[in-house]
Amino acid sequence: MEYKKTAIEGVYIIEPRVFNDARGYFFEAWKQQEFEENIGPVRFIQDNESKSSYGVLRGLHYQKGAFSQSKLVRVIKGRVLDVAVDLRRSSATFGKHVMVELSEENKRQFFIPRGFAHGFLVLSDEAVFTYKVDNVYAPQAEAGIRWNDPELGISWPIDPSQVLTSDKDLILPLFRDAEYFE
């Protein structure tokens, strides 16, 4: 696998080595020793999966305090635009974001460390999205930022009227009103 640093410290795009032949393909999706050599130790404890249709936007979510999570995300089917927003107040890139397209074709993975809000927009008819996390889900610690906050400057590639999101995500606070990490 190739571990590519992004413009934000700690966020990586991971490109697997894919072996194709007449039977299909094979690649290593996760290799702990290699991951730790390139990114550092992260103890993933749970795998999650979601299925969504075109225009579904999930995010921008995070968990606060002791329940903060690192995530390693990828798409098994379809195509999404994935975004991580730096919420680390002490970071030189505080409030900035990294955006990457993940798809069943490119098989990229995206590593998002603790201290970031995360979300994705489905660009295909359907997408199956999977992710590893290093901490449990804690409803009392969940938080988020509104996906279309102009201060973030995220250029979502579909018309806002086509975005499908949860009622809860529609009322998330703006970036300036969010809780940050130190």
C-alpha atoms as a PDB file:
ATOM      1  CA  MET A   1       0.000   0.000   0.000  1.00  0.00           C
ATOM      2  CA  GLU A   2       1.076   3.564  -0.590  1.00  0.00           C
ATOM      3  CA  TYR A   3       0.441   5.995   2.274  1.00  0.00           C
ATOM      4  CA  LYS A   4       0.019   9.543   0.955  1.00  0.00           C
ATOM      5  CA  LYS A   5       0.159  12.484   3.332  1.00  0.00           C
ATOM      6  CA  THR A   6      -2.422  15.189   2.713  1.00  0.00           C
ATOM      7  CA  ALA A   7      -2.234  18.940   3.287  1.00  0.00           C
ATOM      8  CA  ILE A   8      -3.442  18.350   6.863  1.00  0.00           C
ATOM      9  CA  GLU A   9      -1.122  16.673   9.366  1.00  0.00           C
ATOM     10  CA  GLY A  10      -2.268  13.196  10.355  1.00  0.00           C
ATOM     11  CA  VAL A  11      -4.757  12.691   7.500  1.00  0.00           C
ATOM     12  CA  TYR A  12      -3.746  10.095   4.892  1.00  0.00           C
ATOM     13  CA  ILE A  13      -4.998   8.688   1.618  1.00  0.00           C
ATOM     14  CA  ILE A  14      -4.037   5.045   1.283  1.00  0.00           C
ATOM     15  CA  GLU A  15      -3.697   3.512  -2.194  1.00  0.00           C
ATOM     16  CA  PRO A  16      -3.693  -0.298  -2.224  1.00  0.00           C
ATOM     17  CA  ARG A  17      -1.741  -2.463  -4.646  1.00  0.00           C
ATOM     18  CA  VAL A  18      -4.458  -4.200  -6.642  1.00  0.00           C
ATOM     19  CA  PHE A  19      -3.726  -7.429  -8.491  1.00  0.00           C
ATOM     20  CA  ASN A  20      -6.117  -7.974 -11.410  1.00  0.00           C
ATOM     21  CA  ASP A  21      -6.463 -10.994 -13.673  1.00  0.00           C
ATOM     22  CA  ALA A  22      -9.170 -12.839 -15.597  1.00  0.00           C
ATOM     23  CA  ARG A  23     -10.718 -14.052 -12.319  1.00  0.00           C
ATOM     24  CA  GLY A  24     -11.136 -10.585 -10.801  1.00  0.00           C
ATOM     25  CA  TYR A  25      -8.900  -8.778  -8.318  1.00  0.00           C
ATOM     26  CA  PHE A  26      -7.155  -9.121  -4.971  1.00  0.00           C
ATOM     27  CA  PHE A  27      -5.710  -6.543  -2.589  1.00  0.00           C
ATOM     28  CA  GLU A  28      -4.755  -6.230   1.045  1.00  0.00           C
ATOM     29  CA  ALA A  29      -7.258  -3.858   2.667  1.00  0.00           C
ATOM     30  CA  TRP A  30      -5.635  -3.750   6.096  1.00  0.00           C
ATOM     31  CA  LYS A  31      -2.214  -4.678   7.388  1.00  0.00           C
ATOM     32  CA  GLN A  32      -1.577  -3.556  10.962  1.00  0.00           C
ATOM     33  CA  GLN A  33       2.230  -3.590  10.897  1.00  0.00           C
ATOM     34  CA  GLU A  34       2.411  -1.606   7.661  1.00  0.00           C
ATOM     35  CA  PHE A  35      -0.229   0.851   8.914  1.00  0.00           C
ATOM     36  CA  GLU A  36       1.694   1.458  12.146  1.00  0.00           C
ATOM     37  CA  GLU A  37       4.993   1.914  10.282  1.00  0.00           C
ATOM     38  CA  ASN A  38       3.435   4.641   8.115  1.00  0.00           C
ATOM     39  CA  ILE A  39       0.833   6.296  10.352  1.00  0.00           C
ATOM     40  CA  GLY A  40       1.439   5.085  13.886  1.00  0.00           C
ATOM     41  CA  PRO A  41      -0.339   2.885  16.391  1.00  0.00           C
ATOM     42  CA  VAL A  42      -4.129   2.953  16.244  1.00  0.00           C
ATOM     43  CA  ARG A  43      -6.129   0.204  17.910  1.00  0.00           C
ATOM     44  CA  PHE A  44      -9.253  -0.277  15.809  1.00  0.00           C
ATOM     45  CA  ILE A  45     -12.011  -1.988  17.796  1.00  0.00           C
ATOM     46  CA  GLN A  46     -15.028  -2.009  15.500  1.00  0.00           C
ATOM     47  CA  ASP A  47     -15.998  -2.136  11.817  1.00  0.00           C
ATOM     48  CA  ASN A  48     -19.138  -0.331  10.600  1.00  0.00           C
ATOM     49  CA  GLU A  49     -20.948  -0.342   7.268  1.00  0.00           C
ATOM     50  CA  SER A  50     -23.649   1.808   5.709  1.00  0.00           C
ATOM     51  CA  LYS A  51     -25.591   1.719   2.455  1.00  0.00           C
ATOM     52  CA  SER A  52     -26.879   4.955   0.945  1.00  0.00           C
ATOM     53  CA  SER A  53     -28.373   6.230  -2.300  1.00  0.00           C
ATOM     54  CA  TYR A  54     -27.393   9.117  -4.574  1.00  0.00           C
ATOM     55  CA  GLY A  55     -27.308  12.504  -2.860  1.00  0.00           C
ATOM     56  CA  VAL A  56     -27.206  11.156   0.695  1.00  0.00           C
ATOM     57  CA  LEU A  57     -24.876  13.255   2.812  1.00  0.00           C
ATOM     58  CA  ARG A  58     -23.864  11.840   6.173  1.00  0.00           C
ATOM     59  CA  GLY A  59     -22.039  14.333   8.350  1.00  0.00           C
ATOM     60  CA  LEU A  60     -20.213  16.274   9.372  1.00  0.00           C
ATOM     61  CA  HIS A  61     -19.965  14.152  12.531  1.00  0.00           C
ATOM     62  CA  TYR A  62     -17.537  13.624  15.385  1.00  0.00           C
ATOM     63  CA  GLN A  63     -17.458  12.530  19.001  1.00  0.00           C
ATOM     64  CA  LYS A  64     -16.158  14.772  21.783  1.00  0.00           C
ATOM     65  CA  GLY A  65     -13.635  14.243  24.542  1.00  0.00           C
ATOM     66  CA  ALA A  66     -12.696  10.753  25.661  1.00  0.00           C
ATOM     67  CA  PHE A  67     -15.015   9.308  23.006  1.00  0.00           C
ATOM     68  CA  SER A  68     -13.248  10.896  20.030  1.00  0.00           C
ATOM     69  CA  GLN A  69     -12.632   8.456  17.186  1.00  0.00           C
ATOM     70  CA  SER A  70     -10.035   7.816  14.506  1.00  0.00           C
ATOM     71  CA  LYS A  71     -11.522   6.293  11.345  1.00  0.00           C
ATOM     72  CA  LEU A  72     -10.222   4.322   8.399  1.00  0.00           C
ATOM     73  CA  VAL A  73     -12.874   4.526   5.676  1.00  0.00           C
ATOM     74  CA  ARG A  74     -13.409   3.044   2.220  1.00  0.00           C
ATOM     75  CA  VAL A  75     -16.115   2.323  -0.339  1.00  0.00           C
ATOM     76  CA  ILE A  76     -16.954  -1.255  -1.309  1.00  0.00           C
ATOM     77  CA  LYS A  77     -19.613  -0.354  -3.877  1.00  0.00           C
ATOM     78  CA  GLY A  78     -20.263   2.942  -5.642  1.00  0.00           C
ATOM     79  CA  ARG A  79     -18.589   6.310  -5.250  1.00  0.00           C
ATOM     80  CA  VAL A  80     -18.514   8.989  -2.540  1.00  0.00           C
ATOM     81  CA  LEU A  81     -16.847  12.305  -1.843  1.00  0.00           C
ATOM     82  CA  ASP A  82     -15.348  12.032   1.631  1.00  0.00           C
ATOM     83  CA  VAL A  83     -14.406  15.049   3.772  1.00  0.00           C
ATOM     84  CA  ALA A  84     -12.456  15.534   7.006  1.00  0.00           C
ATOM     85  CA  VAL A  85     -12.490  18.923   8.791  1.00  0.00           C
ATOM     86  CA  ASP A  86      -9.726  19.776  11.271  1.00  0.00           C
ATOM     87  CA  LEU A  87     -11.236  20.715  14.648  1.00  0.00           C
ATOM     88  CA  ARG A  88      -7.936  20.798  16.551  1.00  0.00           C
ATOM     89  CA  ARG A  89      -7.743  24.366  17.815  1.00  0.00           C
ATOM     90  CA  SER A  90      -3.941  24.140  18.229  1.00  0.00           C
ATOM     91  CA  SER A  91      -3.431  22.979  14.631  1.00  0.00           C
ATOM     92  CA  ALA A  92      -2.091  25.249  11.882  1.00  0.00           C
ATOM     93  CA  THR A  93      -4.869  23.835   9.682  1.00  0.00           C
ATOM     94  CA  PHE A  94      -7.722  24.400  12.177  1.00  0.00           C
ATOM     95  CA  GLY A  95     -10.980  24.764  10.222  1.00  0.00           C
ATOM     96  CA  LYS A  96      -9.469  23.486   6.972  1.00  0.00           C
ATOM     97  CA  HIS A  97     -10.610  20.325   5.243  1.00  0.00           C
ATOM     98  CA  VAL A  98      -9.341  17.504   3.063  1.00  0.00           C
ATOM     99  CA  MET A  99     -11.593  16.032   0.395  1.00  0.00           C
ATOM    100  CA  VAL A 100     -11.065  12.747  -1.479  1.00  0.00           C
ATOM    101  CA  GLU A 101     -13.133  10.616  -3.820  1.00  0.00           C
ATOM    102  CA  LEU A 102     -13.442   7.012  -2.678  1.00  0.00           C
ATOM    103  CA  SER A 103     -14.869   4.392  -5.003  1.00  0.00           C
ATOM    104  CA  GLU A 104     -15.075   0.712  -5.739  1.00  0.00           C
ATOM    105  CA  GLU A 105     -12.844   1.407  -8.750  1.00  0.00           C
ATOM    106  CA  ASN A 106      -9.985   3.291  -7.047  1.00  0.00           C
ATOM    107  CA  LYS A 107     -10.203   1.259  -3.798  1.00  0.00           C
ATOM    108  CA  ARG A 108      -8.631   4.152  -1.865  1.00  0.00           C
ATOM    109  CA  GLN A 109      -8.881   4.382   1.879  1.00  0.00           C
ATOM    110  CA  PHE A 110      -8.940   7.556   3.923  1.00  0.00           C
ATOM    111  CA  PHE A 111      -7.502   7.762   7.426  1.00  0.00           C
ATOM    112  CA  ILE A 112      -8.983  10.458   9.669  1.00  0.00           C
ATOM    113  CA  PRO A 113      -7.383  10.839  13.108  1.00  0.00           C
ATOM    114  CA  ARG A 114      -9.118  11.971  16.283  1.00  0.00           C
ATOM    115  CA  GLY A 115      -9.938  15.665  16.342  1.00  0.00           C
ATOM    116  CA  PHE A 116     -11.764  15.844  13.014  1.00  0.00           C
ATOM    117  CA  ALA A 117     -15.345  16.107  11.831  1.00  0.00           C
ATOM    118  CA  HIS A 118     -16.116  13.626   9.066  1.00  0.00           C
ATOM    119  CA  GLY A 119     -18.759  13.272   6.393  1.00  0.00           C
ATOM    120  CA  PHE A 120     -19.409  11.909   2.934  1.00  0.00           C
ATOM    121  CA  LEU A 121     -21.689  12.542  -0.039  1.00  0.00           C
ATOM    122  CA  VAL A 122     -22.850   9.676  -2.278  1.00  0.00           C
ATOM    123  CA  LEU A 123     -22.159  10.373  -5.970  1.00  0.00           C
ATOM    124  CA  SER A 124     -23.303   7.033  -7.427  1.00  0.00           C
ATOM    125  CA  ASP A 125     -26.795   5.509  -7.534  1.00  0.00           C
ATOM    126  CA  GLU A 126     -25.877   3.571  -4.418  1.00  0.00           C
ATOM    127  CA  ALA A 127     -22.823   3.278  -2.166  1.00  0.00           C
ATOM    128  CA  VAL A 128     -21.699   0.788   0.442  1.00  0.00           C
ATOM    129  CA  PHE A 129     -19.334   2.533   2.837  1.00  0.00           C
ATOM    130  CA  THR A 130     -17.268   0.771   5.492  1.00  0.00           C
ATOM    131  CA  TYR A 131     -15.058   2.082   8.253  1.00  0.00           C
ATOM    132  CA  LYS A 132     -12.945   1.001  11.161  1.00  0.00           C
ATOM    133  CA  VAL A 133     -13.078   3.033  14.378  1.00  0.00           C
ATOM    134  CA  ASP A 134     -10.831   3.057  17.435  1.00  0.00           C
ATOM    135  CA  ASN A 135     -13.482   3.963  20.009  1.00  0.00           C
ATOM    136  CA  VAL A 136     -17.070   3.010  20.782  1.00  0.00           C
ATOM    137  CA  TYR A 137     -20.071   5.041  19.716  1.00  0.00           C
ATOM    138  CA  ALA A 138     -21.231   7.209  22.619  1.00  0.00           C
ATOM    139  CA  PRO A 139     -24.501   9.076  21.981  1.00  0.00           C
ATOM    140  CA  GLN A 140     -23.806  11.491  24.850  1.00  0.00           C
ATOM    141  CA  ALA A 141     -20.576  12.588  23.107  1.00  0.00           C
ATOM    142  CA  GLU A 142     -21.834  12.914  19.548  1.00  0.00           C
ATOM    143  CA  ALA A 143     -21.523  16.280  17.843  1.00  0.00           C
ATOM    144  CA  GLY A 144     -21.377  17.731  14.376  1.00  0.00           C
ATOM    145  CA  ILE A 145     -21.141  20.714  12.083  1.00  0.00           C
ATOM    146  CA  ARG A 146     -23.617  21.687   9.402  1.00  0.00           C
ATOM    147  CA  TRP A 147     -22.517  20.242   6.048  1.00  0.00           C
ATOM    148  CA  ASN A 148     -23.220  23.444   4.101  1.00  0.00           C
ATOM    149  CA  ASP A 149     -21.628  25.993   6.440  1.00  0.00           C
ATOM    150  CA  PRO A 150     -20.138  28.621   4.081  1.00  0.00           C
ATOM    151  CA  GLU A 151     -17.276  29.285   6.505  1.00  0.00           C
ATOM    152  CA  LEU A 152     -15.905  25.787   5.800  1.00  0.00           C
ATOM    153  CA  GLY A 153     -15.812  26.386   2.047  1.00  0.00           C
ATOM    154  CA  ILE A 154     -16.555  22.773   1.129  1.00  0.00           C
ATOM    155  CA  SER A 155     -17.442  22.543  -2.545  1.00  0.00           C
ATOM    156  CA  TRP A 156     -19.983  19.720  -2.668  1.00  0.00           C
ATOM    157  CA  PRO A 157     -20.406  18.722  -6.337  1.00  0.00           C
ATOM    158  CA  ILE A 158     -24.198  18.459  -6.473  1.00  0.00           C
ATOM    159  CA  ASP A 159     -26.978  20.989  -6.203  1.00  0.00           C
ATOM    160  CA  PRO A 160     -27.917  21.506  -2.528  1.00  0.00           C
ATOM    161  CA  SER A 161     -31.559  20.749  -3.392  1.00  0.00           C
ATOM    162  CA  GLN A 162     -30.484  17.173  -4.266  1.00  0.00           C
ATOM    163  CA  VAL A 163     -28.800  16.536  -0.907  1.00  0.00           C
ATOM    164  CA  LEU A 164     -30.583  14.047   1.342  1.00  0.00           C
ATOM    165  CA  THR A 165     -29.631  14.203   4.993  1.00  0.00           C
ATOM    166  CA  SER A 166     -31.146  13.378   8.351  1.00  0.00           C
ATOM    167  CA  ASP A 167     -33.305  15.850  10.251  1.00  0.00           C
ATOM    168  CA  LYS A 168     -30.649  15.782  12.981  1.00  0.00           C
ATOM    169  CA  ASP A 169     -27.919  16.802  10.513  1.00  0.00           C
ATOM    170  CA  LEU A 170     -30.019  19.704   9.223  1.00  0.00           C
ATOM    171  CA  ILE A 171     -29.885  21.420  12.619  1.00  0.00           C
ATOM    172  CA  LEU A 172     -26.230  20.838  13.484  1.00  0.00           C
ATOM    173  CA  PRO A 173     -24.408  24.001  14.586  1.00  0.00           C
ATOM    174  CA  LEU A 174     -22.259  26.119  12.336  1.00  0.00           C
ATOM    175  CA  PHE A 175     -18.462  25.771  12.599  1.00  0.00           C
ATOM    176  CA  ARG A 176     -18.131  28.941  14.691  1.00  0.00           C
ATOM    177  CA  ASP A 177     -20.543  27.478  17.277  1.00  0.00           C
ATOM    178  CA  ALA A 178     -19.092  23.953  17.388  1.00  0.00           C
ATOM    179  CA  GLU A 179     -17.065  22.403  20.160  1.00  0.00           C
ATOM    180  CA  TYR A 180     -13.409  21.972  19.249  1.00  0.00           C
ATOM    181  CA  PHE A 181     -10.458  19.863  20.362  1.00  0.00           C
ATOM    182  CA  GLU A 182      -7.415  21.367  22.059  1.00  0.00           C
END
